[in-house]
Amino acid sequence: MAELLGRLRGRKHLVTGNNDTPATTSLAGWSSVQPYAEIELDGLGLVLCHYPFRTWRNMSRGWLNLHGHSHGRLAPLLRQADIGVDVWDFRPVKLEQITATKRTRMRIAPA
């Protein structure tokens, strides 16, 4: 796992979930490790958590909920996407890919 993390470019932030053991969370390659985060990226507000939410902070202001856990089996709410690696061919993806694809309902829910 450390070798794979080392091969990824950029800063890596881990939003922890139910399968993350201390062996994962203690790796030296993480810039941060937390169960929940709110960030702004490319002009979008993002609520990040391993688990999907039914409602989230700033939902009515256009913020997106990006989550994992459901392995693509949960129909997303508006402005919500499952970004687990198993949904995205086990590869990192850019935010613009997530918001533009038909896998999410991002495009049909303007802020």
N, C-alpha and C. Protein backbone atom coordinates (compact mmCIF):
# COMPACT_ATOMS: atom_id res chain seq x y z
N MET A 1 0.83 -1.19 0.00
CA MET A 1 0.00 0.00 0.00
C MET A 1 0.88 1.26 0.00
N ALA A 2 1.95 1.23 0.75
CA ALA A 2 2.85 2.38 0.79
C ALA A 2 3.47 2.63 -0.58
N GLU A 3 3.79 1.56 -1.31
CA GLU A 3 4.36 1.72 -2.64
C GLU A 3 3.36 2.37 -3.60
N LEU A 4 2.13 1.93 -3.56
CA LEU A 4 1.09 2.51 -4.41
C LEU A 4 0.87 3.98 -4.07
N LEU A 5 0.77 4.29 -2.80
CA LEU A 5 0.58 5.67 -2.36
C LEU A 5 1.73 6.54 -2.83
N GLY A 6 2.93 6.02 -2.77
CA GLY A 6 4.11 6.76 -3.21
C GLY A 6 4.14 7.02 -4.71
N ARG A 7 3.49 6.19 -5.48
CA ARG A 7 3.47 6.36 -6.94
C ARG A 7 2.45 7.40 -7.39
N LEU A 8 1.49 7.72 -6.54
CA LEU A 8 0.49 8.73 -6.91
C LEU A 8 1.08 10.12 -6.80
N ARG A 9 0.78 10.96 -7.77
CA ARG A 9 1.30 12.33 -7.75
C ARG A 9 0.42 13.23 -6.89
N GLY A 10 0.97 14.33 -6.47
CA GLY A 10 0.22 15.33 -5.73
C GLY A 10 0.10 15.03 -4.24
N ARG A 11 -0.68 15.88 -3.58
CA ARG A 11 -0.96 15.69 -2.15
C ARG A 11 -2.13 14.73 -2.01
N LYS A 12 -2.01 13.79 -1.10
CA LYS A 12 -3.05 12.79 -0.89
C LYS A 12 -3.69 13.01 0.48
N HIS A 13 -5.02 13.13 0.47
CA HIS A 13 -5.79 13.31 1.69
C HIS A 13 -6.72 12.11 1.81
N LEU A 14 -6.70 11.47 2.95
CA LEU A 14 -7.53 10.29 3.17
C LEU A 14 -8.76 10.67 3.98
N VAL A 15 -9.94 10.43 3.40
CA VAL A 15 -11.20 10.54 4.12
C VAL A 15 -11.53 9.10 4.52
N THR A 16 -11.40 8.82 5.79
CA THR A 16 -11.45 7.44 6.27
C THR A 16 -12.85 6.85 6.22
N GLY A 17 -12.88 5.53 6.11
CA GLY A 17 -14.13 4.79 6.09
C GLY A 17 -14.03 3.54 6.93
N ASN A 18 -15.04 2.71 6.84
CA ASN A 18 -15.14 1.55 7.70
C ASN A 18 -14.09 0.47 7.41
N ASN A 19 -13.42 0.51 6.28
CA ASN A 19 -12.42 -0.51 5.96
C ASN A 19 -10.98 -0.03 6.16
N ASP A 20 -10.80 1.19 6.62
CA ASP A 20 -9.44 1.72 6.80
C ASP A 20 -8.89 1.33 8.17
N THR A 21 -7.85 0.53 8.14
CA THR A 21 -7.20 0.06 9.36
C THR A 21 -6.06 1.01 9.73
N PRO A 22 -5.51 0.87 10.92
CA PRO A 22 -4.34 1.68 11.28
C PRO A 22 -3.17 1.51 10.29
N ALA A 23 -3.08 0.35 9.65
CA ALA A 23 -2.02 0.16 8.66
C ALA A 23 -2.18 1.14 7.50
N THR A 24 -3.40 1.48 7.17
CA THR A 24 -3.67 2.45 6.11
C THR A 24 -3.54 3.87 6.61
N THR A 25 -4.18 4.18 7.71
CA THR A 25 -4.22 5.56 8.19
C THR A 25 -2.87 6.07 8.68
N SER A 26 -1.97 5.17 9.04
CA SER A 26 -0.66 5.60 9.57
C SER A 26 0.42 5.72 8.51
N LEU A 27 0.09 5.47 7.25
CA LEU A 27 1.10 5.60 6.20
C LEU A 27 1.64 7.03 6.12
N ALA A 28 2.91 7.15 5.85
CA ALA A 28 3.56 8.46 5.83
C ALA A 28 3.16 9.33 4.64
N GLY A 29 2.56 8.77 3.61
CA GLY A 29 2.27 9.52 2.40
C GLY A 29 1.04 10.40 2.43
N TRP A 30 0.26 10.35 3.50
CA TRP A 30 -0.96 11.18 3.57
C TRP A 30 -0.64 12.59 4.01
N SER A 31 -1.22 13.59 3.35
CA SER A 31 -1.12 14.97 3.81
C SER A 31 -2.08 15.21 4.96
N SER A 32 -3.20 14.48 4.96
CA SER A 32 -4.14 14.56 6.08
C SER A 32 -4.97 13.28 6.12
N VAL A 33 -5.49 12.98 7.30
CA VAL A 33 -6.36 11.83 7.51
C VAL A 33 -7.49 12.29 8.41
N GLN A 34 -8.74 12.19 7.92
CA GLN A 34 -9.89 12.60 8.71
C GLN A 34 -11.15 11.90 8.19
N PRO A 35 -12.18 11.77 9.02
CA PRO A 35 -13.40 11.10 8.58
C PRO A 35 -14.36 11.99 7.78
N TYR A 36 -14.13 13.29 7.79
CA TYR A 36 -15.06 14.24 7.19
C TYR A 36 -14.27 15.49 6.81
N ALA A 37 -14.63 16.08 5.67
CA ALA A 37 -13.97 17.33 5.28
C ALA A 37 -14.94 18.18 4.46
N GLU A 38 -14.80 19.47 4.59
CA GLU A 38 -15.49 20.45 3.75
C GLU A 38 -14.42 21.30 3.10
N ILE A 39 -14.43 21.31 1.78
CA ILE A 39 -13.41 22.06 1.05
C ILE A 39 -14.05 22.78 -0.13
N GLU A 40 -13.34 23.73 -0.68
CA GLU A 40 -13.74 24.36 -1.93
C GLU A 40 -12.64 24.07 -2.95
N LEU A 41 -13.06 23.60 -4.12
CA LEU A 41 -12.12 23.22 -5.17
C LEU A 41 -12.72 23.62 -6.51
N ASP A 42 -11.94 24.31 -7.30
CA ASP A 42 -12.40 24.75 -8.63
C ASP A 42 -13.73 25.49 -8.55
N GLY A 43 -13.93 26.28 -7.51
CA GLY A 43 -15.14 27.07 -7.36
C GLY A 43 -16.34 26.32 -6.83
N LEU A 44 -16.16 25.07 -6.46
CA LEU A 44 -17.27 24.28 -5.93
C LEU A 44 -17.04 23.94 -4.46
N GLY A 45 -18.11 24.02 -3.68
CA GLY A 45 -18.05 23.57 -2.29
C GLY A 45 -18.31 22.08 -2.24
N LEU A 46 -17.48 21.37 -1.50
CA LEU A 46 -17.57 19.92 -1.42
C LEU A 46 -17.66 19.45 0.02
N VAL A 47 -18.57 18.54 0.27
CA VAL A 47 -18.67 17.85 1.55
C VAL A 47 -18.21 16.43 1.29
N LEU A 48 -17.12 16.03 1.94
CA LEU A 48 -16.50 14.73 1.70
C LEU A 48 -16.65 13.84 2.92
N CYS A 49 -17.16 12.64 2.71
CA CYS A 49 -17.27 11.65 3.77
C CYS A 49 -17.33 10.29 3.12
N HIS A 50 -16.88 9.27 3.81
CA HIS A 50 -16.97 7.92 3.27
C HIS A 50 -18.42 7.52 3.06
N TYR A 51 -19.28 7.96 3.94
CA TYR A 51 -20.70 7.59 3.89
C TYR A 51 -21.53 8.64 3.16
N PRO A 52 -22.51 8.22 2.37
CA PRO A 52 -23.39 9.19 1.69
C PRO A 52 -24.35 9.81 2.69
N PHE A 53 -24.72 11.05 2.43
CA PHE A 53 -25.66 11.77 3.29
C PHE A 53 -27.00 11.93 2.58
N ARG A 54 -28.04 12.07 3.34
CA ARG A 54 -29.35 12.46 2.79
C ARG A 54 -29.42 13.99 2.70
N THR A 55 -28.82 14.67 3.64
CA THR A 55 -28.69 16.12 3.62
C THR A 55 -27.27 16.45 4.07
N TRP A 56 -26.78 17.62 3.68
CA TRP A 56 -25.44 18.04 4.08
C TRP A 56 -25.37 19.55 4.14
N ARG A 57 -24.36 20.03 4.83
CA ARG A 57 -24.14 21.45 5.02
C ARG A 57 -24.03 22.15 3.66
N ASN A 58 -24.69 23.27 3.52
CA ASN A 58 -24.68 24.08 2.30
C ASN A 58 -25.25 23.36 1.08
N MET A 59 -26.04 22.35 1.32
CA MET A 59 -26.70 21.63 0.23
C MET A 59 -27.53 22.59 -0.63
N SER A 60 -28.26 23.47 0.03
CA SER A 60 -29.11 24.41 -0.70
C SER A 60 -28.31 25.51 -1.39
N ARG A 61 -27.04 25.61 -1.07
CA ARG A 61 -26.17 26.61 -1.71
C ARG A 61 -25.33 25.99 -2.82
N GLY A 62 -25.68 24.78 -3.23
CA GLY A 62 -25.00 24.17 -4.36
C GLY A 62 -23.80 23.30 -4.03
N TRP A 63 -23.51 23.09 -2.75
CA TRP A 63 -22.37 22.23 -2.41
C TRP A 63 -22.68 20.80 -2.81
N LEU A 64 -21.64 20.06 -3.15
CA LEU A 64 -21.75 18.67 -3.57
C LEU A 64 -21.35 17.74 -2.44
N ASN A 65 -21.99 16.59 -2.37
CA ASN A 65 -21.60 15.53 -1.43
C ASN A 65 -20.91 14.43 -2.22
N LEU A 66 -19.63 14.25 -1.97
CA LEU A 66 -18.85 13.19 -2.60
C LEU A 66 -18.58 12.14 -1.54
N HIS A 67 -18.90 10.88 -1.86
CA HIS A 67 -18.81 9.80 -0.87
C HIS A 67 -18.34 8.51 -1.52
N GLY A 68 -18.15 7.53 -0.69
CA GLY A 68 -17.84 6.16 -1.12
C GLY A 68 -18.87 5.22 -0.52
N HIS A 69 -18.41 4.13 0.01
CA HIS A 69 -19.15 3.16 0.80
C HIS A 69 -20.16 2.32 0.04
N SER A 70 -20.90 2.87 -0.89
CA SER A 70 -22.02 2.14 -1.49
C SER A 70 -21.62 1.35 -2.75
N HIS A 71 -20.40 1.48 -3.21
CA HIS A 71 -19.88 0.70 -4.34
C HIS A 71 -20.76 0.81 -5.59
N GLY A 72 -21.30 2.01 -5.81
CA GLY A 72 -22.10 2.27 -6.99
C GLY A 72 -23.51 1.70 -6.96
N ARG A 73 -23.94 1.17 -5.84
CA ARG A 73 -25.26 0.54 -5.75
C ARG A 73 -26.35 1.46 -5.21
N LEU A 74 -26.01 2.67 -4.84
CA LEU A 74 -26.97 3.60 -4.27
C LEU A 74 -27.26 4.70 -5.29
N ALA A 75 -28.53 4.90 -5.61
CA ALA A 75 -28.89 5.99 -6.52
C ALA A 75 -28.55 7.31 -5.85
N PRO A 76 -27.79 8.18 -6.51
CA PRO A 76 -27.39 9.43 -5.88
C PRO A 76 -28.54 10.43 -5.82
N LEU A 77 -28.50 11.26 -4.81
CA LEU A 77 -29.38 12.42 -4.75
C LEU A 77 -28.82 13.47 -5.70
N LEU A 78 -29.58 14.53 -5.93
CA LEU A 78 -29.04 15.64 -6.71
C LEU A 78 -27.80 16.18 -6.01
N ARG A 79 -26.78 16.49 -6.79
CA ARG A 79 -25.54 17.09 -6.31
C ARG A 79 -24.77 16.14 -5.39
N GLN A 80 -24.85 14.84 -5.68
CA GLN A 80 -24.18 13.81 -4.89
C GLN A 80 -23.57 12.79 -5.83
N ALA A 81 -22.40 12.27 -5.47
CA ALA A 81 -21.76 11.26 -6.30
C ALA A 81 -20.97 10.28 -5.46
N ASP A 82 -21.02 9.03 -5.86
CA ASP A 82 -20.18 7.98 -5.28
C ASP A 82 -18.84 8.06 -6.00
N ILE A 83 -17.80 8.39 -5.27
CA ILE A 83 -16.48 8.51 -5.89
C ILE A 83 -15.53 7.42 -5.43
N GLY A 84 -16.11 6.31 -4.95
CA GLY A 84 -15.29 5.16 -4.59
C GLY A 84 -14.51 4.66 -5.79
N VAL A 85 -13.32 4.14 -5.56
CA VAL A 85 -12.46 3.72 -6.68
C VAL A 85 -13.09 2.62 -7.50
N ASP A 86 -13.91 1.77 -6.90
CA ASP A 86 -14.52 0.68 -7.67
C ASP A 86 -15.55 1.19 -8.68
N VAL A 87 -16.06 2.39 -8.47
CA VAL A 87 -16.99 3.01 -9.41
C VAL A 87 -16.24 3.68 -10.56
N TRP A 88 -14.99 4.02 -10.35
CA TRP A 88 -14.19 4.78 -11.32
C TRP A 88 -13.00 3.98 -11.84
N ASP A 89 -13.21 2.70 -12.07
CA ASP A 89 -12.18 1.85 -12.69
C ASP A 89 -10.86 1.84 -11.92
N PHE A 90 -10.94 2.03 -10.61
CA PHE A 90 -9.78 1.96 -9.73
C PHE A 90 -8.68 2.94 -10.12
N ARG A 91 -9.09 4.12 -10.60
CA ARG A 91 -8.15 5.16 -11.01
C ARG A 91 -8.57 6.50 -10.41
N PRO A 92 -7.61 7.35 -10.11
CA PRO A 92 -7.98 8.70 -9.67
C PRO A 92 -8.70 9.44 -10.80
N VAL A 93 -9.65 10.26 -10.46
CA VAL A 93 -10.36 11.06 -11.45
C VAL A 93 -10.39 12.51 -10.99
N LYS A 94 -10.52 13.40 -11.94
CA LYS A 94 -10.60 14.83 -11.65
C LYS A 94 -12.04 15.21 -11.33
N LEU A 95 -12.19 16.30 -10.60
CA LEU A 95 -13.52 16.79 -10.24
C LEU A 95 -14.37 17.04 -11.48
N GLU A 96 -13.77 17.58 -12.53
CA GLU A 96 -14.54 17.86 -13.75
C GLU A 96 -15.10 16.58 -14.37
N GLN A 97 -14.39 15.48 -14.24
CA GLN A 97 -14.90 14.20 -14.73
C GLN A 97 -16.10 13.75 -13.91
N ILE A 98 -16.02 13.93 -12.61
CA ILE A 98 -17.09 13.51 -11.73
C ILE A 98 -18.36 14.32 -12.00
N THR A 99 -18.20 15.61 -12.17
CA THR A 99 -19.38 16.45 -12.35
C THR A 99 -19.96 16.37 -13.77
N ALA A 100 -19.19 15.91 -14.73
CA ALA A 100 -19.65 15.87 -16.12
C ALA A 100 -20.25 14.54 -16.54
N THR A 101 -19.99 13.49 -15.83
CA THR A 101 -20.40 12.17 -16.27
C THR A 101 -21.86 11.86 -15.97
N LYS A 102 -22.41 10.95 -16.72
CA LYS A 102 -23.78 10.51 -16.47
C LYS A 102 -23.88 9.60 -15.25
N ARG A 103 -22.74 9.19 -14.68
CA ARG A 103 -22.77 8.37 -13.47
C ARG A 103 -23.30 9.15 -12.27
N THR A 104 -23.26 10.46 -12.37
CA THR A 104 -23.72 11.30 -11.27
C THR A 104 -24.91 12.13 -11.73
N ARG A 105 -25.55 12.77 -10.80
CA ARG A 105 -26.66 13.66 -11.14
C ARG A 105 -26.23 15.11 -10.95
N MET A 106 -24.94 15.38 -11.08
CA MET A 106 -24.41 16.72 -10.86
C MET A 106 -24.88 17.70 -11.93
N ARG A 107 -24.83 17.28 -13.17
CA ARG A 107 -25.07 18.20 -14.28
C ARG A 107 -26.50 18.73 -14.31
N ILE A 108 -27.45 17.98 -13.81
CA ILE A 108 -28.85 18.39 -13.92
C ILE A 108 -29.33 19.16 -12.70
N ALA A 109 -28.41 19.49 -11.82
CA ALA A 109 -28.80 20.20 -10.60
C ALA A 109 -27.97 21.45 -10.43
N PRO A 110 -28.24 22.50 -11.20
CA PRO A 110 -27.42 23.72 -11.06
C PRO A 110 -27.58 24.32 -9.67
N ALA A 111 -26.52 25.01 -9.27
CA ALA A 111 -26.52 25.63 -7.94
C ALA A 111 -27.51 26.77 -7.87
